[in-house]
Structures are given as C-alpha cells and as structure tokens.
C-alpha cells in the first residue's frame, strides 16, 4: 500500500489516540513545537513551500508521532 504523508500522519495520530498516548491530534503537535494549529495543518497536508526548514519540521513531526 502506498499512503500519502498526510494519511500516514493521521493513521499514527489515530493509533496514538486509541492507545491513549500523546500526540493524538494536530493540536498536540502544534503545542509541542510551539507552532500555530493552521500552520501544522498546512505542513502535514503539503501546502507549505518546500524548503530546508519545512523538510526539517516534517522530519521532527514524523519522529514525534512515531512514524520512524
């Protein structure tokens, strides 16, 4: 199966919610990194310009939600 990045993040968040661990929402991600909720949503859905900073944030988010 081939998932989009946003789908994979959502699956991890749903898994975390089922297990009762953080992060279980995009709000938890925003609070952890000190970012705005709309910006986190845009990052996850790929609506932010591709840059070194964007890629670094996505790597940090992936680690935080448990993708890697």
PDB file of N, CA and C in Angstrom:
ATOM      1  N   UNK A   1       0.838  -1.185   0.000  1.00  0.00           N
ATOM      2  CA  UNK A   1       0.000   0.000   0.000  1.00  0.00           C
ATOM      3  C   UNK A   1       0.878   1.243   0.000  1.00  0.00           C
ATOM      4  N   UNK A   2       0.421   2.231  -0.690  1.00  0.00           N
ATOM      5  CA  UNK A   2       1.158   3.473  -0.770  1.00  0.00           C
ATOM      6  C   UNK A   2       0.294   4.595  -0.184  1.00  0.00           C
ATOM      7  N   UNK A   3       0.755   5.172   0.921  1.00  0.00           N
ATOM      8  CA  UNK A   3      -0.002   6.231   1.588  1.00  0.00           C
ATOM      9  C   UNK A   3       0.644   7.576   1.337  1.00  0.00           C
ATOM     10  N   UNK A   4      -0.160   8.563   1.281  1.00  0.00           N
ATOM     11  CA  UNK A   4       0.331   9.931   1.258  1.00  0.00           C
ATOM     12  C   UNK A   4       0.858  10.258   2.648  1.00  0.00           C
ATOM     13  N   UNK A   5       1.716  11.267   2.733  1.00  0.00           N
ATOM     14  CA  UNK A   5       2.292  11.649   4.011  1.00  0.00           C
ATOM     15  C   UNK A   5       1.205  12.035   5.015  1.00  0.00           C
ATOM     16  N   UNK A   6       0.240  12.820   4.571  1.00  0.00           N
ATOM     17  CA  UNK A   6      -0.818  13.271   5.483  1.00  0.00           C
ATOM     18  C   UNK A   6      -1.645  12.093   5.991  1.00  0.00           C
ATOM     19  N   UNK A   7      -1.894  11.112   5.138  1.00  0.00           N
ATOM     20  CA  UNK A   7      -2.636   9.925   5.560  1.00  0.00           C
ATOM     21  C   UNK A   7      -1.855   9.141   6.606  1.00  0.00           C
ATOM     22  N   UNK A   8      -0.549   9.019   6.405  1.00  0.00           N
ATOM     23  CA  UNK A   8       0.287   8.291   7.356  1.00  0.00           C
ATOM     24  C   UNK A   8       0.302   8.992   8.715  1.00  0.00           C
ATOM     25  N   UNK A   9       0.388  10.314   8.705  1.00  0.00           N
ATOM     26  CA  UNK A   9       0.364  11.068   9.968  1.00  0.00           C
ATOM     27  C   UNK A   9      -0.975  10.857  10.670  1.00  0.00           C
ATOM     28  N   UNK A  10      -2.070  10.935   9.925  1.00  0.00           N
ATOM     29  CA  UNK A  10      -3.393  10.750  10.523  1.00  0.00           C
ATOM     30  C   UNK A  10      -3.542   9.351  11.118  1.00  0.00           C
ATOM     31  N   UNK A  11      -3.014   8.344  10.432  1.00  0.00           N
ATOM     32  CA  UNK A  11      -3.070   6.984  10.972  1.00  0.00           C
ATOM     33  C   UNK A  11      -2.298   6.883  12.282  1.00  0.00           C
ATOM     34  N   UNK A  12      -1.126   7.511  12.333  1.00  0.00           N
ATOM     35  CA  UNK A  12      -0.335   7.494  13.573  1.00  0.00           C
ATOM     36  C   UNK A  12      -1.065   8.221  14.698  1.00  0.00           C
ATOM     37  N   UNK A  13      -1.694   9.348  14.381  1.00  0.00           N
ATOM     38  CA  UNK A  13      -2.423  10.091  15.405  1.00  0.00           C
ATOM     39  C   UNK A  13      -3.615   9.293  15.925  1.00  0.00           C
ATOM     40  N   UNK A  14      -4.319   8.611  15.020  1.00  0.00           N
ATOM     41  CA  UNK A  14      -5.453   7.771  15.439  1.00  0.00           C
ATOM     42  C   UNK A  14      -4.978   6.609  16.302  1.00  0.00           C
ATOM     43  N   UNK A  15      -3.856   6.005  15.919  1.00  0.00           N
ATOM     44  CA  UNK A  15      -3.290   4.921  16.719  1.00  0.00           C
ATOM     45  C   UNK A  15      -2.942   5.416  18.124  1.00  0.00           C
ATOM     46  N   UNK A  16      -2.283   6.589  18.185  1.00  0.00           N
ATOM     47  CA  UNK A  16      -1.907   7.156  19.479  1.00  0.00           C
ATOM     48  C   UNK A  16      -3.134   7.449  20.333  1.00  0.00           C
ATOM     49  N   UNK A  17      -4.190   7.958  19.707  1.00  0.00           N
ATOM     50  CA  UNK A  17      -5.411   8.262  20.440  1.00  0.00           C
ATOM     51  C   UNK A  17      -6.028   6.987  21.011  1.00  0.00           C
ATOM     52  N   UNK A  18      -6.040   5.933  20.205  1.00  0.00           N
ATOM     53  CA  UNK A  18      -6.574   4.650  20.654  1.00  0.00           C
ATOM     54  C   UNK A  18      -5.768   4.101  21.830  1.00  0.00           C
ATOM     55  N   UNK A  19      -4.440   4.316  21.798  1.00  0.00           N
ATOM     56  CA  UNK A  19      -3.567   3.830  22.857  1.00  0.00           C
ATOM     57  C   UNK A  19      -3.523   4.770  24.059  1.00  0.00           C
ATOM     58  N   UNK A  20      -4.066   5.967  23.893  1.00  0.00           N
ATOM     59  CA  UNK A  20      -4.092   6.937  24.984  1.00  0.00           C
ATOM     60  C   UNK A  20      -2.757   7.636  25.218  1.00  0.00           C
ATOM     61  N   UNK A  21      -1.956   7.787  24.150  1.00  0.00           N
ATOM     62  CA  UNK A  21      -0.670   8.468  24.270  1.00  0.00           C
ATOM     63  C   UNK A  21      -0.677   9.740  23.437  1.00  0.00           C
ATOM     64  N   UNK A  22       0.251  10.630  23.761  1.00  0.00           N
ATOM     65  CA  UNK A  22       0.399  11.876  23.018  1.00  0.00           C
ATOM     66  C   UNK A  22       1.479  11.688  21.979  1.00  0.00           C
ATOM     67  N   UNK A  23       1.410  12.322  20.844  1.00  0.00           N
ATOM     68  CA  UNK A  23       0.370  13.207  20.366  1.00  0.00           C
ATOM     69  C   UNK A  23      -0.778  12.401  19.762  1.00  0.00           C
ATOM     70  N   UNK A  24      -1.960  12.880  19.994  1.00  0.00           N
ATOM     71  CA  UNK A  24      -3.125  12.226  19.415  1.00  0.00           C
ATOM     72  C   UNK A  24      -3.914  13.181  18.526  1.00  0.00           C
ATOM     73  N   UNK A  25      -3.360  14.375  18.294  1.00  0.00           N
ATOM     74  CA  UNK A  25      -4.030  15.344  17.429  1.00  0.00           C
ATOM     75  C   UNK A  25      -3.012  16.331  16.865  1.00  0.00           C
ATOM     76  N   UNK A  26      -3.438  17.056  15.857  1.00  0.00           N
ATOM     77  CA  UNK A  26      -2.577  18.098  15.302  1.00  0.00           C
ATOM     78  C   UNK A  26      -2.351  19.199  16.320  1.00  0.00           C
ATOM     79  N   UNK A  27      -3.303  19.412  17.211  1.00  0.00           N
ATOM     80  CA  UNK A  27      -3.149  20.414  18.264  1.00  0.00           C
ATOM     81  C   UNK A  27      -2.006  20.043  19.205  1.00  0.00           C
ATOM     82  N   UNK A  28      -1.873  18.756  19.507  1.00  0.00           N
ATOM     83  CA  UNK A  28      -0.771  18.301  20.351  1.00  0.00           C
ATOM     84  C   UNK A  28       0.575  18.573  19.676  1.00  0.00           C
ATOM     85  N   UNK A  29       0.626  18.368  18.372  1.00  0.00           N
ATOM     86  CA  UNK A  29       1.854  18.640  17.617  1.00  0.00           C
ATOM     87  C   UNK A  29       2.170  20.131  17.667  1.00  0.00           C
ATOM     88  N   UNK A  30       1.166  20.960  17.432  1.00  0.00           N
ATOM     89  CA  UNK A  30       1.361  22.413  17.444  1.00  0.00           C
ATOM     90  C   UNK A  30       1.845  22.881  18.809  1.00  0.00           C
ATOM     91  N   UNK A  31       1.245  22.377  19.871  1.00  0.00           N
ATOM     92  CA  UNK A  31       1.647  22.768  21.220  1.00  0.00           C
ATOM     93  C   UNK A  31       3.078  22.331  21.530  1.00  0.00           C
ATOM     94  N   UNK A  32       3.446  21.134  21.113  1.00  0.00           N
ATOM     95  CA  UNK A  32       4.776  20.598  21.394  1.00  0.00           C
ATOM     96  C   UNK A  32       5.871  21.427  20.727  1.00  0.00           C
ATOM     97  N   UNK A  33       5.649  21.822  19.482  1.00  0.00           N
ATOM     98  CA  UNK A  33       6.660  22.555  18.734  1.00  0.00           C
ATOM     99  C   UNK A  33       6.497  24.071  18.805  1.00  0.00           C
ATOM    100  N   UNK A  34       5.447  24.545  19.454  1.00  0.00           N
ATOM    101  CA  UNK A  34       5.218  25.981  19.566  1.00  0.00           C
ATOM    102  C   UNK A  34       4.803  26.612  18.250  1.00  0.00           C
ATOM    103  N   UNK A  35       4.064  25.864  17.451  1.00  0.00           N
ATOM    104  CA  UNK A  35       3.587  26.353  16.160  1.00  0.00           C
ATOM    105  C   UNK A  35       2.093  26.599  16.223  1.00  0.00           C
ATOM    106  N   UNK A  36       1.587  27.340  15.243  1.00  0.00           N
ATOM    107  CA  UNK A  36       0.146  27.556  15.194  1.00  0.00           C
ATOM    108  C   UNK A  36      -0.524  26.310  14.615  1.00  0.00           C
ATOM    109  N   UNK A  37      -1.756  26.096  15.009  1.00  0.00           N
ATOM    110  CA  UNK A  37      -2.514  24.930  14.541  1.00  0.00           C
ATOM    111  C   UNK A  37      -2.729  24.952  13.028  1.00  0.00           C
ATOM    112  N   UNK A  38      -3.075  26.118  12.438  1.00  0.00           N
ATOM    113  CA  UNK A  38      -3.235  26.141  10.979  1.00  0.00           C
ATOM    114  C   UNK A  38      -1.928  25.835  10.238  1.00  0.00           C
ATOM    115  N   UNK A  39      -0.795  26.287  10.791  1.00  0.00           N
ATOM    116  CA  UNK A  39       0.495  26.034  10.142  1.00  0.00           C
ATOM    117  C   UNK A  39       0.823  24.539  10.164  1.00  0.00           C
ATOM    118  N   UNK A  40       0.548  23.870  11.280  1.00  0.00           N
ATOM    119  CA  UNK A  40       0.779  22.438  11.371  1.00  0.00           C
ATOM    120  C   UNK A  40      -0.085  21.711  10.349  1.00  0.00           C
ATOM    121  N   UNK A  41      -1.329  22.121  10.218  1.00  0.00           N
ATOM    122  CA  UNK A  41      -2.214  21.508   9.230  1.00  0.00           C
ATOM    123  C   UNK A  41      -1.664  21.698   7.823  1.00  0.00           C
ATOM    124  N   UNK A  42      -1.193  22.889   7.510  1.00  0.00           N
ATOM    125  CA  UNK A  42      -0.634  23.163   6.193  1.00  0.00           C
ATOM    126  C   UNK A  42       0.637  22.352   5.948  1.00  0.00           C
ATOM    127  N   UNK A  43       1.470  22.208   6.981  1.00  0.00           N
ATOM    128  CA  UNK A  43       2.674  21.393   6.859  1.00  0.00           C
ATOM    129  C   UNK A  43       2.328  19.950   6.520  1.00  0.00           C
ATOM    130  N   UNK A  44       1.420  19.388   7.290  1.00  0.00           N
ATOM    131  CA  UNK A  44       1.054  17.988   7.118  1.00  0.00           C
ATOM    132  C   UNK A  44       0.410  17.746   5.754  1.00  0.00           C
ATOM    133  N   UNK A  45      -0.395  18.667   5.294  1.00  0.00           N
ATOM    134  CA  UNK A  45      -1.097  18.491   4.026  1.00  0.00           C
ATOM    135  C   UNK A  45      -0.297  18.953   2.815  1.00  0.00           C
ATOM    136  N   UNK A  46       0.931  19.449   3.036  1.00  0.00           N
ATOM    137  CA  UNK A  46       1.800  19.821   1.919  1.00  0.00           C
ATOM    138  C   UNK A  46       1.485  21.138   1.271  1.00  0.00           C
ATOM    139  N   UNK A  47       0.892  22.066   2.001  1.00  0.00           N
ATOM    140  CA  UNK A  47       0.539  23.368   1.439  1.00  0.00           C
ATOM    141  C   UNK A  47       1.526  24.461   1.827  1.00  0.00           C
ATOM    142  N   UNK A  48       2.760  24.052   2.168  1.00  0.00           N
ATOM    143  CA  UNK A  48       3.803  24.994   2.555  1.00  0.00           C
ATOM    144  C   UNK A  48       4.945  24.856   1.547  1.00  0.00           C
ATOM    145  N   UNK A  49       5.581  25.953   1.235  1.00  0.00           N
ATOM    146  CA  UNK A  49       6.681  25.939   0.278  1.00  0.00           C
ATOM    147  C   UNK A  49       7.773  24.991   0.737  1.00  0.00           C
ATOM    148  N   UNK A  50       8.279  24.199  -0.193  1.00  0.00           N
ATOM    149  CA  UNK A  50       9.345  23.254   0.114  1.00  0.00           C
ATOM    150  C   UNK A  50      10.645  24.003   0.373  1.00  0.00           C
ATOM    151  N   UNK A  51      11.186  23.831   1.576  1.00  0.00           N
ATOM    152  CA  UNK A  51      12.453  24.452   1.931  1.00  0.00           C
ATOM    153  C   UNK A  51      13.157  23.541   2.931  1.00  0.00           C
ATOM    154  N   UNK A  52      14.375  23.897   3.279  1.00  0.00           N
ATOM    155  CA  UNK A  52      15.132  23.110   4.250  1.00  0.00           C
ATOM    156  C   UNK A  52      14.401  23.102   5.590  1.00  0.00           C
ATOM    157  N   UNK A  53      13.885  24.249   5.995  1.00  0.00           N
ATOM    158  CA  UNK A  53      13.163  24.355   7.263  1.00  0.00           C
ATOM    159  C   UNK A  53      11.897  23.499   7.261  1.00  0.00           C
ATOM    160  N   UNK A  54      11.173  23.501   6.162  1.00  0.00           N
ATOM    161  CA  UNK A  54       9.956  22.702   6.048  1.00  0.00           C
ATOM    162  C   UNK A  54      10.281  21.219   6.162  1.00  0.00           C
ATOM    163  N   UNK A  55      11.291  20.769   5.438  1.00  0.00           N
ATOM    164  CA  UNK A  55      11.671  19.351   5.493  1.00  0.00           C
ATOM    165  C   UNK A  55      12.133  18.955   6.891  1.00  0.00           C
ATOM    166  N   UNK A  56      12.858  19.855   7.567  1.00  0.00           N
ATOM    167  CA  UNK A  56      13.333  19.575   8.923  1.00  0.00           C
ATOM    168  C   UNK A  56      12.149  19.446   9.879  1.00  0.00           C
ATOM    169  N   UNK A  57      11.189  20.340   9.765  1.00  0.00           N
ATOM    170  CA  UNK A  57       9.995  20.269  10.616  1.00  0.00           C
ATOM    171  C   UNK A  57       9.232  18.977  10.382  1.00  0.00           C
ATOM    172  N   UNK A  58       9.102  18.567   9.125  1.00  0.00           N
ATOM    173  CA  UNK A  58       8.381  17.330   8.814  1.00  0.00           C
ATOM    174  C   UNK A  58       9.086  16.113   9.401  1.00  0.00           C
ATOM    175  N   UNK A  59      10.409  16.109   9.374  1.00  0.00           N
ATOM    176  CA  UNK A  59      11.166  15.014   9.981  1.00  0.00           C
ATOM    177  C   UNK A  59      10.914  14.986  11.487  1.00  0.00           C
ATOM    178  N   UNK A  60      10.930  16.155  12.122  1.00  0.00           N
ATOM    179  CA  UNK A  60      10.670  16.241  13.562  1.00  0.00           C
ATOM    180  C   UNK A  60       9.255  15.772  13.899  1.00  0.00           C
ATOM    181  N   UNK A  61       8.289  16.153  13.086  1.00  0.00           N
ATOM    182  CA  UNK A  61       6.900  15.746  13.306  1.00  0.00           C
ATOM    183  C   UNK A  61       6.765  14.231  13.153  1.00  0.00           C
ATOM    184  N   UNK A  62       7.407  13.673  12.126  1.00  0.00           N
ATOM    185  CA  UNK A  62       7.351  12.223  11.920  1.00  0.00           C
ATOM    186  C   UNK A  62       7.904  11.477  13.125  1.00  0.00           C
ATOM    187  N   UNK A  63       9.016  11.935  13.656  1.00  0.00           N
ATOM    188  CA  UNK A  63       9.603  11.298  14.838  1.00  0.00           C
ATOM    189  C   UNK A  63       8.674  11.428  16.037  1.00  0.00           C
ATOM    190  N   UNK A  64       8.085  12.600  16.207  1.00  0.00           N
ATOM    191  CA  UNK A  64       7.219  12.856  17.360  1.00  0.00           C
ATOM    192  C   UNK A  64       5.967  11.990  17.357  1.00  0.00           C
ATOM    193  N   UNK A  65       5.376  11.788  16.190  1.00  0.00           N
ATOM    194  CA  UNK A  65       4.151  10.977  16.138  1.00  0.00           C
ATOM    195  C   UNK A  65       4.446   9.489  16.096  1.00  0.00           C
ATOM    196  N   UNK A  66       5.699   9.114  15.876  1.00  0.00           N
ATOM    197  CA  UNK A  66       6.066   7.704  15.910  1.00  0.00           C
ATOM    198  C   UNK A  66       6.087   7.015  14.567  1.00  0.00           C
ATOM    199  N   UNK A  67       6.335   7.763  13.504  1.00  0.00           N
ATOM    200  CA  UNK A  67       6.400   7.153  12.175  1.00  0.00           C
ATOM    201  C   UNK A  67       7.730   6.450  11.950  1.00  0.00           C
ATOM    202  N   UNK A  68       8.789   6.897  12.613  1.00  0.00           N
ATOM    203  CA  UNK A  68      10.096   6.280  12.400  1.00  0.00           C
ATOM    204  C   UNK A  68      10.684   5.848  13.714  1.00  0.00           C
TER     205      UNK A  68
END
